[in-house]
Amino acid sequence: MRTPDALTEMFRARGLKVTPQRQRIFAVLYHCDVHPTAEAVFAAARATMPTLALKTVYQTLNDLAAMGELQSLDLGTGSTRFDPNIAPHHHLVCTSCGAVRDVELDAGVVDVPARCWPGFTISTAEVVFRGRCDTCAPPSGDDTTTAADTTKITKTTTKETHA
């Protein structure tokens, strides 16, 4: 994610209002390595700026997403998440606690057979793997994950993130 100063300049260049509240939101996001909800950003920013309104957080996050500075994600966890990592990647989502991890797959791992839609050109891919994280998974031997399931994600690099 760009620095708060860079985001401030981008907002001004687009004619968007830059307020102390927005600058506080920029600072919260700059230090963020998770996939926060708007409510989580609101709570973090409001801790030092009690005058902040939730509407301002939503508007700022939506403006940043429209500018391509955040990804807006509906991962089925109950609230939209905002991802400061705008590089192409996928996600692991824990169905128990809602934790989200980034996954960077090898180029050939996600492939759509041409017979599925002849002539279709893929511009981006977004894959969400669902299961249980190491904290929520049952003790060894009780898990229902198959060897084939494990093989599919062994060629990944993950970065753990929690809201």
N, C-alpha and C. Protein backbone atom coordinates (compact mmCIF):
# COMPACT_ATOMS: atom_id res chain seq x y z
N MET A 1 0.85 -1.18 0.00
CA MET A 1 0.00 0.00 0.00
C MET A 1 0.88 1.23 0.00
N ARG A 2 0.43 2.25 -0.70
CA ARG A 2 1.18 3.51 -0.76
C ARG A 2 1.19 4.19 0.61
N THR A 3 2.12 5.10 0.77
CA THR A 3 2.23 5.83 2.03
C THR A 3 1.03 6.77 2.20
N PRO A 4 0.74 7.17 3.43
CA PRO A 4 -0.33 8.14 3.64
C PRO A 4 -0.13 9.44 2.85
N ASP A 5 1.13 9.90 2.75
CA ASP A 5 1.40 11.12 1.97
C ASP A 5 1.08 10.91 0.49
N ALA A 6 1.44 9.75 -0.05
CA ALA A 6 1.16 9.46 -1.46
C ALA A 6 -0.34 9.37 -1.70
N LEU A 7 -1.08 8.74 -0.77
CA LEU A 7 -2.53 8.65 -0.91
C LEU A 7 -3.18 10.04 -0.82
N THR A 8 -2.64 10.87 0.05
CA THR A 8 -3.14 12.24 0.18
C THR A 8 -2.99 12.97 -1.16
N GLU A 9 -1.83 12.85 -1.77
CA GLU A 9 -1.59 13.50 -3.07
C GLU A 9 -2.50 12.93 -4.15
N MET A 10 -2.71 11.62 -4.14
CA MET A 10 -3.60 11.00 -5.13
C MET A 10 -5.02 11.52 -4.97
N PHE A 11 -5.50 11.64 -3.76
CA PHE A 11 -6.84 12.16 -3.53
C PHE A 11 -6.95 13.60 -4.03
N ARG A 12 -5.97 14.42 -3.69
CA ARG A 12 -5.99 15.82 -4.13
C ARG A 12 -5.94 15.91 -5.65
N ALA A 13 -5.12 15.09 -6.30
CA ALA A 13 -5.01 15.11 -7.76
C ALA A 13 -6.34 14.74 -8.43
N ARG A 14 -7.15 13.96 -7.75
CA ARG A 14 -8.45 13.57 -8.30
C ARG A 14 -9.58 14.49 -7.83
N GLY A 15 -9.23 15.53 -7.11
CA GLY A 15 -10.23 16.47 -6.64
C GLY A 15 -11.04 15.97 -5.46
N LEU A 16 -10.55 14.94 -4.78
CA LEU A 16 -11.25 14.41 -3.61
C LEU A 16 -10.79 15.15 -2.36
N LYS A 17 -11.71 15.36 -1.47
CA LYS A 17 -11.43 16.08 -0.23
C LYS A 17 -10.48 15.27 0.66
N VAL A 18 -9.47 15.94 1.19
CA VAL A 18 -8.54 15.31 2.12
C VAL A 18 -8.75 15.95 3.49
N THR A 19 -9.18 15.12 4.42
CA THR A 19 -9.47 15.58 5.77
C THR A 19 -8.54 14.87 6.75
N PRO A 20 -8.43 15.37 7.97
CA PRO A 20 -7.64 14.66 8.98
C PRO A 20 -8.18 13.23 9.20
N GLN A 21 -9.50 13.05 9.09
CA GLN A 21 -10.08 11.72 9.26
C GLN A 21 -9.60 10.77 8.16
N ARG A 22 -9.60 11.25 6.93
CA ARG A 22 -9.12 10.40 5.83
C ARG A 22 -7.63 10.10 5.99
N GLN A 23 -6.86 11.09 6.41
CA GLN A 23 -5.44 10.85 6.60
C GLN A 23 -5.20 9.82 7.71
N ARG A 24 -6.04 9.82 8.73
CA ARG A 24 -5.93 8.80 9.79
C ARG A 24 -6.23 7.42 9.23
N ILE A 25 -7.24 7.32 8.37
CA ILE A 25 -7.58 6.05 7.72
C ILE A 25 -6.42 5.58 6.86
N PHE A 26 -5.80 6.49 6.11
CA PHE A 26 -4.62 6.14 5.30
C PHE A 26 -3.53 5.55 6.18
N ALA A 27 -3.30 6.16 7.34
CA ALA A 27 -2.25 5.69 8.25
C ALA A 27 -2.57 4.30 8.78
N VAL A 28 -3.82 4.06 9.14
CA VAL A 28 -4.22 2.74 9.63
C VAL A 28 -3.97 1.69 8.55
N LEU A 29 -4.36 1.98 7.32
CA LEU A 29 -4.20 1.02 6.23
C LEU A 29 -2.73 0.79 5.87
N TYR A 30 -1.92 1.83 5.98
CA TYR A 30 -0.51 1.71 5.64
C TYR A 30 0.20 0.70 6.53
N HIS A 31 -0.20 0.61 7.76
CA HIS A 31 0.42 -0.32 8.70
C HIS A 31 -0.35 -1.64 8.80
N CYS A 32 -1.28 -1.86 7.87
CA CYS A 32 -2.15 -3.02 7.94
C CYS A 32 -1.60 -4.17 7.09
N ASP A 33 -1.48 -5.34 7.69
CA ASP A 33 -1.05 -6.52 6.92
C ASP A 33 -2.12 -7.61 6.99
N VAL A 34 -3.37 -7.18 7.21
CA VAL A 34 -4.49 -8.11 7.26
C VAL A 34 -5.54 -7.70 6.23
N HIS A 35 -6.66 -8.36 6.25
CA HIS A 35 -7.78 -8.06 5.36
C HIS A 35 -8.91 -7.51 6.23
N PRO A 36 -8.82 -6.23 6.63
CA PRO A 36 -9.79 -5.71 7.60
C PRO A 36 -11.16 -5.44 6.99
N THR A 37 -12.16 -5.46 7.84
CA THR A 37 -13.48 -4.97 7.48
C THR A 37 -13.47 -3.46 7.69
N ALA A 38 -14.49 -2.80 7.17
CA ALA A 38 -14.61 -1.35 7.41
C ALA A 38 -14.74 -1.07 8.90
N GLU A 39 -15.42 -1.97 9.60
CA GLU A 39 -15.60 -1.79 11.04
C GLU A 39 -14.27 -1.90 11.78
N ALA A 40 -13.38 -2.77 11.33
CA ALA A 40 -12.07 -2.92 11.96
C ALA A 40 -11.21 -1.68 11.71
N VAL A 41 -11.27 -1.14 10.49
CA VAL A 41 -10.54 0.10 10.18
C VAL A 41 -11.10 1.24 11.03
N PHE A 42 -12.43 1.30 11.14
CA PHE A 42 -13.10 2.31 11.95
C PHE A 42 -12.63 2.25 13.40
N ALA A 43 -12.62 1.06 13.97
CA ALA A 43 -12.21 0.90 15.37
C ALA A 43 -10.76 1.33 15.58
N ALA A 44 -9.88 0.93 14.66
CA ALA A 44 -8.46 1.29 14.79
C ALA A 44 -8.25 2.79 14.65
N ALA A 45 -8.93 3.40 13.69
CA ALA A 45 -8.75 4.84 13.47
C ALA A 45 -9.43 5.66 14.56
N ARG A 46 -10.57 5.19 15.03
CA ARG A 46 -11.32 5.94 16.04
C ARG A 46 -10.63 5.93 17.40
N ALA A 47 -9.75 4.97 17.62
CA ALA A 47 -9.02 4.91 18.89
C ALA A 47 -8.25 6.20 19.16
N THR A 48 -7.77 6.84 18.09
CA THR A 48 -7.04 8.10 18.25
C THR A 48 -7.78 9.29 17.67
N MET A 49 -8.94 9.03 17.05
CA MET A 49 -9.73 10.11 16.46
C MET A 49 -11.21 9.84 16.71
N PRO A 50 -11.70 10.17 17.91
CA PRO A 50 -13.07 9.84 18.30
C PRO A 50 -14.16 10.51 17.46
N THR A 51 -13.81 11.54 16.69
CA THR A 51 -14.80 12.24 15.87
C THR A 51 -15.05 11.55 14.53
N LEU A 52 -14.35 10.50 14.25
CA LEU A 52 -14.47 9.79 12.98
C LEU A 52 -15.83 9.11 12.86
N ALA A 53 -16.42 9.20 11.68
CA ALA A 53 -17.71 8.56 11.42
C ALA A 53 -17.50 7.31 10.56
N LEU A 54 -18.28 6.28 10.81
CA LEU A 54 -18.19 5.05 10.02
C LEU A 54 -18.45 5.31 8.54
N LYS A 55 -19.35 6.24 8.24
CA LYS A 55 -19.63 6.59 6.84
C LYS A 55 -18.37 7.09 6.14
N THR A 56 -17.55 7.87 6.84
CA THR A 56 -16.29 8.38 6.27
C THR A 56 -15.36 7.21 5.95
N VAL A 57 -15.31 6.22 6.83
CA VAL A 57 -14.46 5.05 6.59
C VAL A 57 -14.94 4.31 5.34
N TYR A 58 -16.23 4.04 5.25
CA TYR A 58 -16.76 3.35 4.08
C TYR A 58 -16.48 4.13 2.80
N GLN A 59 -16.72 5.43 2.81
CA GLN A 59 -16.50 6.24 1.61
C GLN A 59 -15.02 6.23 1.21
N THR A 60 -14.14 6.37 2.19
CA THR A 60 -12.71 6.38 1.91
C THR A 60 -12.25 5.03 1.36
N LEU A 61 -12.69 3.93 1.98
CA LEU A 61 -12.32 2.60 1.49
C LEU A 61 -12.84 2.37 0.08
N ASN A 62 -14.07 2.78 -0.19
CA ASN A 62 -14.63 2.63 -1.53
C ASN A 62 -13.90 3.49 -2.55
N ASP A 63 -13.50 4.71 -2.16
CA ASP A 63 -12.71 5.57 -3.05
C ASP A 63 -11.36 4.92 -3.35
N LEU A 64 -10.71 4.38 -2.33
CA LEU A 64 -9.42 3.71 -2.53
C LEU A 64 -9.56 2.48 -3.43
N ALA A 65 -10.64 1.73 -3.25
CA ALA A 65 -10.87 0.56 -4.11
C ALA A 65 -11.11 1.00 -5.55
N ALA A 66 -11.88 2.07 -5.76
CA ALA A 66 -12.14 2.57 -7.10
C ALA A 66 -10.86 3.08 -7.77
N MET A 67 -9.91 3.56 -6.97
CA MET A 67 -8.63 4.04 -7.48
C MET A 67 -7.63 2.90 -7.70
N GLY A 68 -8.01 1.69 -7.29
CA GLY A 68 -7.11 0.55 -7.46
C GLY A 68 -6.07 0.42 -6.36
N GLU A 69 -6.27 1.10 -5.25
CA GLU A 69 -5.32 1.06 -4.14
C GLU A 69 -5.65 0.00 -3.11
N LEU A 70 -6.86 -0.54 -3.16
CA LEU A 70 -7.33 -1.62 -2.29
C LEU A 70 -8.15 -2.57 -3.13
N GLN A 71 -8.22 -3.82 -2.70
CA GLN A 71 -9.17 -4.76 -3.30
C GLN A 71 -10.33 -4.91 -2.34
N SER A 72 -11.53 -4.80 -2.84
CA SER A 72 -12.72 -5.06 -2.05
C SER A 72 -13.06 -6.54 -2.23
N LEU A 73 -13.15 -7.27 -1.12
CA LEU A 73 -13.34 -8.72 -1.18
C LEU A 73 -14.61 -9.15 -0.45
N ASP A 74 -15.43 -9.95 -1.13
CA ASP A 74 -16.55 -10.61 -0.46
C ASP A 74 -16.17 -12.07 -0.37
N LEU A 75 -15.65 -12.46 0.78
CA LEU A 75 -15.14 -13.82 0.97
C LEU A 75 -16.13 -14.72 1.70
N GLY A 76 -17.35 -14.23 1.89
CA GLY A 76 -18.36 -15.03 2.57
C GLY A 76 -18.16 -15.12 4.06
N THR A 77 -17.44 -14.16 4.63
CA THR A 77 -17.19 -14.17 6.08
C THR A 77 -18.15 -13.27 6.83
N GLY A 78 -19.14 -12.71 6.14
CA GLY A 78 -20.14 -11.87 6.81
C GLY A 78 -19.99 -10.40 6.53
N SER A 79 -18.80 -9.92 6.24
CA SER A 79 -18.55 -8.51 5.93
C SER A 79 -17.56 -8.42 4.80
N THR A 80 -17.68 -7.35 4.02
CA THR A 80 -16.70 -7.10 2.97
C THR A 80 -15.36 -6.84 3.64
N ARG A 81 -14.33 -7.43 3.07
CA ARG A 81 -12.96 -7.20 3.55
C ARG A 81 -12.26 -6.30 2.55
N PHE A 82 -11.25 -5.59 3.01
CA PHE A 82 -10.46 -4.72 2.15
C PHE A 82 -9.02 -5.17 2.22
N ASP A 83 -8.46 -5.47 1.07
CA ASP A 83 -7.11 -6.04 0.99
C ASP A 83 -6.14 -4.99 0.47
N PRO A 84 -5.17 -4.57 1.29
CA PRO A 84 -4.17 -3.62 0.83
C PRO A 84 -3.18 -4.21 -0.18
N ASN A 85 -3.15 -5.53 -0.30
CA ASN A 85 -2.27 -6.19 -1.26
C ASN A 85 -2.99 -6.24 -2.60
N ILE A 86 -2.59 -5.38 -3.53
CA ILE A 86 -3.27 -5.32 -4.82
C ILE A 86 -2.59 -6.15 -5.90
N ALA A 87 -1.49 -6.81 -5.55
CA ALA A 87 -0.85 -7.73 -6.50
C ALA A 87 -1.76 -8.94 -6.69
N PRO A 88 -1.73 -9.56 -7.88
CA PRO A 88 -2.57 -10.74 -8.10
C PRO A 88 -2.24 -11.85 -7.09
N HIS A 89 -3.27 -12.34 -6.43
CA HIS A 89 -3.12 -13.44 -5.48
C HIS A 89 -4.49 -14.01 -5.15
N HIS A 90 -4.49 -15.09 -4.40
CA HIS A 90 -5.72 -15.78 -4.02
C HIS A 90 -5.80 -15.79 -2.49
N HIS A 91 -6.82 -16.47 -1.97
CA HIS A 91 -7.02 -16.46 -0.51
C HIS A 91 -7.40 -17.82 0.05
N LEU A 92 -6.93 -18.05 1.27
CA LEU A 92 -7.40 -19.15 2.10
C LEU A 92 -8.32 -18.52 3.14
N VAL A 93 -9.50 -19.11 3.36
CA VAL A 93 -10.45 -18.57 4.33
C VAL A 93 -10.83 -19.67 5.31
N CYS A 94 -10.65 -19.41 6.60
CA CYS A 94 -11.05 -20.37 7.62
C CYS A 94 -12.56 -20.28 7.81
N THR A 95 -13.25 -21.39 7.63
CA THR A 95 -14.71 -21.41 7.77
C THR A 95 -15.15 -21.38 9.23
N SER A 96 -14.21 -21.55 10.15
CA SER A 96 -14.56 -21.51 11.57
C SER A 96 -14.40 -20.11 12.16
N CYS A 97 -13.22 -19.52 12.01
CA CYS A 97 -12.95 -18.22 12.65
C CYS A 97 -12.96 -17.05 11.69
N GLY A 98 -12.96 -17.30 10.38
CA GLY A 98 -12.99 -16.22 9.40
C GLY A 98 -11.63 -15.65 9.06
N ALA A 99 -10.54 -16.23 9.59
CA ALA A 99 -9.19 -15.75 9.26
C ALA A 99 -8.95 -15.88 7.76
N VAL A 100 -8.16 -14.96 7.22
CA VAL A 100 -7.87 -14.94 5.79
C VAL A 100 -6.35 -14.90 5.60
N ARG A 101 -5.87 -15.69 4.67
CA ARG A 101 -4.44 -15.70 4.34
C ARG A 101 -4.30 -15.49 2.84
N ASP A 102 -3.29 -14.71 2.45
CA ASP A 102 -2.98 -14.54 1.04
C ASP A 102 -2.29 -15.80 0.54
N VAL A 103 -2.54 -16.13 -0.73
CA VAL A 103 -1.89 -17.28 -1.37
C VAL A 103 -1.40 -16.84 -2.74
N GLU A 104 -0.12 -17.02 -2.96
CA GLU A 104 0.45 -16.76 -4.28
C GLU A 104 0.73 -18.12 -4.90
N LEU A 105 -0.02 -18.44 -5.96
CA LEU A 105 0.10 -19.75 -6.60
C LEU A 105 1.11 -19.70 -7.74
N ASP A 106 1.74 -20.83 -8.00
CA ASP A 106 2.57 -20.95 -9.19
C ASP A 106 1.69 -20.70 -10.40
N ALA A 107 2.27 -20.16 -11.45
CA ALA A 107 1.49 -19.75 -12.63
C ALA A 107 0.59 -20.85 -13.19
N GLY A 108 1.05 -22.10 -13.22
CA GLY A 108 0.29 -23.16 -13.86
C GLY A 108 -0.72 -23.85 -12.96
N VAL A 109 -0.85 -23.47 -11.70
CA VAL A 109 -1.73 -24.18 -10.78
C VAL A 109 -3.19 -23.91 -11.07
N VAL A 110 -3.55 -22.67 -11.44
CA VAL A 110 -4.93 -22.35 -11.76
C VAL A 110 -5.04 -22.29 -13.28
N ASP A 111 -5.80 -23.22 -13.84
CA ASP A 111 -5.92 -23.31 -15.29
C ASP A 111 -7.34 -23.73 -15.62
N VAL A 112 -7.96 -23.03 -16.57
CA VAL A 112 -9.31 -23.36 -16.99
C VAL A 112 -9.21 -24.07 -18.34
N PRO A 113 -9.74 -25.28 -18.43
CA PRO A 113 -9.70 -26.00 -19.72
C PRO A 113 -10.46 -25.22 -20.80
N ALA A 114 -9.91 -25.17 -21.98
CA ALA A 114 -10.52 -24.43 -23.10
C ALA A 114 -11.93 -24.92 -23.40
N ARG A 115 -12.23 -26.18 -23.15
CA ARG A 115 -13.56 -26.72 -23.45
C ARG A 115 -14.67 -26.11 -22.58
N CYS A 116 -14.28 -25.49 -21.45
CA CYS A 116 -15.28 -24.88 -20.56
C CYS A 116 -15.96 -23.68 -21.22
N TRP A 117 -15.20 -22.91 -21.99
CA TRP A 117 -15.77 -21.76 -22.68
C TRP A 117 -14.81 -21.39 -23.81
N PRO A 118 -14.95 -22.05 -24.95
CA PRO A 118 -14.04 -21.79 -26.08
C PRO A 118 -14.01 -20.31 -26.45
N GLY A 119 -12.83 -19.79 -26.63
CA GLY A 119 -12.65 -18.39 -27.02
C GLY A 119 -12.65 -17.40 -25.88
N PHE A 120 -12.91 -17.88 -24.66
CA PHE A 120 -12.93 -16.98 -23.50
C PHE A 120 -11.51 -16.58 -23.14
N THR A 121 -11.29 -15.28 -22.94
CA THR A 121 -9.98 -14.78 -22.55
C THR A 121 -10.03 -14.35 -21.09
N ILE A 122 -9.18 -14.94 -20.29
CA ILE A 122 -9.14 -14.63 -18.86
C ILE A 122 -8.24 -13.42 -18.63
N SER A 123 -8.77 -12.42 -17.92
CA SER A 123 -7.96 -11.24 -17.61
C SER A 123 -7.44 -11.30 -16.17
N THR A 124 -8.24 -11.85 -15.25
CA THR A 124 -7.80 -12.03 -13.87
C THR A 124 -8.43 -13.30 -13.32
N ALA A 125 -7.85 -13.82 -12.26
CA ALA A 125 -8.40 -15.00 -11.60
C ALA A 125 -8.42 -14.75 -10.10
N GLU A 126 -9.49 -15.17 -9.46
CA GLU A 126 -9.60 -15.02 -8.01
C GLU A 126 -10.12 -16.34 -7.47
N VAL A 127 -9.29 -17.02 -6.70
CA VAL A 127 -9.65 -18.31 -6.15
C VAL A 127 -9.70 -18.20 -4.63
N VAL A 128 -10.74 -18.76 -4.03
CA VAL A 128 -10.86 -18.77 -2.58
C VAL A 128 -10.89 -20.22 -2.13
N PHE A 129 -9.91 -20.61 -1.34
CA PHE A 129 -9.85 -21.95 -0.77
C PHE A 129 -10.47 -21.86 0.62
N ARG A 130 -11.43 -22.70 0.91
CA ARG A 130 -12.09 -22.69 2.21
C ARG A 130 -11.73 -23.95 2.99
N GLY A 131 -11.60 -23.81 4.27
CA GLY A 131 -11.27 -24.93 5.15
C GLY A 131 -11.09 -24.40 6.55
N ARG A 132 -10.31 -25.11 7.33
CA ARG A 132 -10.06 -24.66 8.70
C ARG A 132 -8.58 -24.40 8.90
N CYS A 133 -8.30 -23.30 9.58
CA CYS A 133 -6.91 -22.93 9.85
C CYS A 133 -6.31 -23.85 10.90
N ASP A 134 -5.01 -23.71 11.11
CA ASP A 134 -4.32 -24.58 12.06
C ASP A 134 -4.83 -24.40 13.49
N THR A 135 -5.36 -23.24 13.80
CA THR A 135 -5.91 -23.01 15.13
C THR A 135 -7.26 -23.70 15.32
N CYS A 136 -8.08 -23.71 14.27
CA CYS A 136 -9.43 -24.26 14.36
C CYS A 136 -9.55 -25.73 13.96
N ALA A 137 -8.55 -26.26 13.28
CA ALA A 137 -8.61 -27.65 12.80
C ALA A 137 -8.63 -28.62 13.98
N PRO A 138 -9.33 -29.76 13.80
CA PRO A 138 -9.35 -30.75 14.88
C PRO A 138 -7.96 -31.37 15.07
N PRO A 139 -7.75 -32.04 16.19
CA PRO A 139 -6.45 -32.69 16.42
C PRO A 139 -6.12 -33.66 15.28
N SER A 140 -4.86 -33.90 15.09
CA SER A 140 -4.38 -34.79 14.03
C SER A 140 -5.14 -36.11 14.05
N GLY A 141 -5.53 -36.56 12.85
CA GLY A 141 -6.25 -37.82 12.73
C GLY A 141 -7.74 -37.62 12.61
N ASP A 142 -8.27 -36.46 13.03
CA ASP A 142 -9.70 -36.20 12.93
C ASP A 142 -10.05 -35.37 11.70
N ASP A 143 -9.04 -34.87 10.97
CA ASP A 143 -9.27 -34.01 9.83
C ASP A 143 -9.75 -34.81 8.64
N THR A 144 -10.64 -34.22 7.84
CA THR A 144 -11.18 -34.90 6.67
C THR A 144 -10.48 -34.49 5.39
N THR A 145 -9.42 -33.69 5.46
CA THR A 145 -8.68 -33.29 4.28
C THR A 145 -7.99 -34.50 3.67
N THR A 146 -8.10 -34.64 2.34
CA THR A 146 -7.50 -35.78 1.65
C THR A 146 -6.10 -35.43 1.19
N ALA A 147 -5.35 -36.44 0.83
CA ALA A 147 -4.00 -36.22 0.31
C ALA A 147 -4.05 -35.40 -0.97
N ALA A 148 -5.06 -35.62 -1.79
CA ALA A 148 -5.20 -34.85 -3.03
C ALA A 148 -5.43 -33.37 -2.72
N ASP A 149 -6.23 -33.08 -1.70
CA ASP A 149 -6.48 -31.70 -1.31
C ASP A 149 -5.17 -31.04 -0.85
N THR A 150 -4.38 -31.75 -0.11
CA THR A 150 -3.12 -31.23 0.40
C THR A 150 -2.15 -30.95 -0.74
N THR A 151 -2.09 -31.84 -1.72
CA THR A 151 -1.18 -31.69 -2.84
C THR A 151 -1.50 -30.43 -3.63
N LYS A 152 -2.76 -30.10 -3.79
CA LYS A 152 -3.15 -28.94 -4.58
C LYS A 152 -2.62 -27.65 -4.00
N ILE A 153 -2.41 -27.58 -2.71
CA ILE A 153 -1.96 -26.31 -2.13
C ILE A 153 -0.56 -26.38 -1.55
N THR A 154 0.18 -27.43 -1.83
CA THR A 154 1.53 -27.50 -1.30
C THR A 154 2.48 -26.59 -2.07
N LYS A 155 2.14 -26.21 -3.27
CA LYS A 155 3.01 -25.34 -4.04
C LYS A 155 2.64 -23.88 -3.85
N THR A 156 2.20 -23.52 -2.67
CA THR A 156 1.79 -22.15 -2.40
C THR A 156 2.69 -21.51 -1.37
N THR A 157 2.67 -20.20 -1.42
CA THR A 157 3.31 -19.40 -0.40
C THR A 157 2.19 -18.67 0.31
N THR A 158 2.10 -18.78 1.62
CA THR A 158 1.00 -18.13 2.32
C THR A 158 1.54 -17.08 3.26
N LYS A 159 0.70 -16.07 3.47
CA LYS A 159 0.98 -15.01 4.44
C LYS A 159 -0.24 -14.92 5.32
N GLU A 160 -0.09 -15.19 6.60
CA GLU A 160 -1.23 -15.22 7.50
C GLU A 160 -1.70 -13.81 7.80
N THR A 161 -3.02 -13.62 7.70
CA THR A 161 -3.62 -12.35 8.06
C THR A 161 -4.91 -12.58 8.78
N HIS A 162 -5.15 -11.82 9.81
CA HIS A 162 -6.39 -11.89 10.57
C HIS A 162 -7.00 -10.51 10.66
N ALA A 163 -8.32 -10.46 10.78
CA ALA A 163 -9.00 -9.17 10.90
C ALA A 163 -8.93 -8.66 12.31
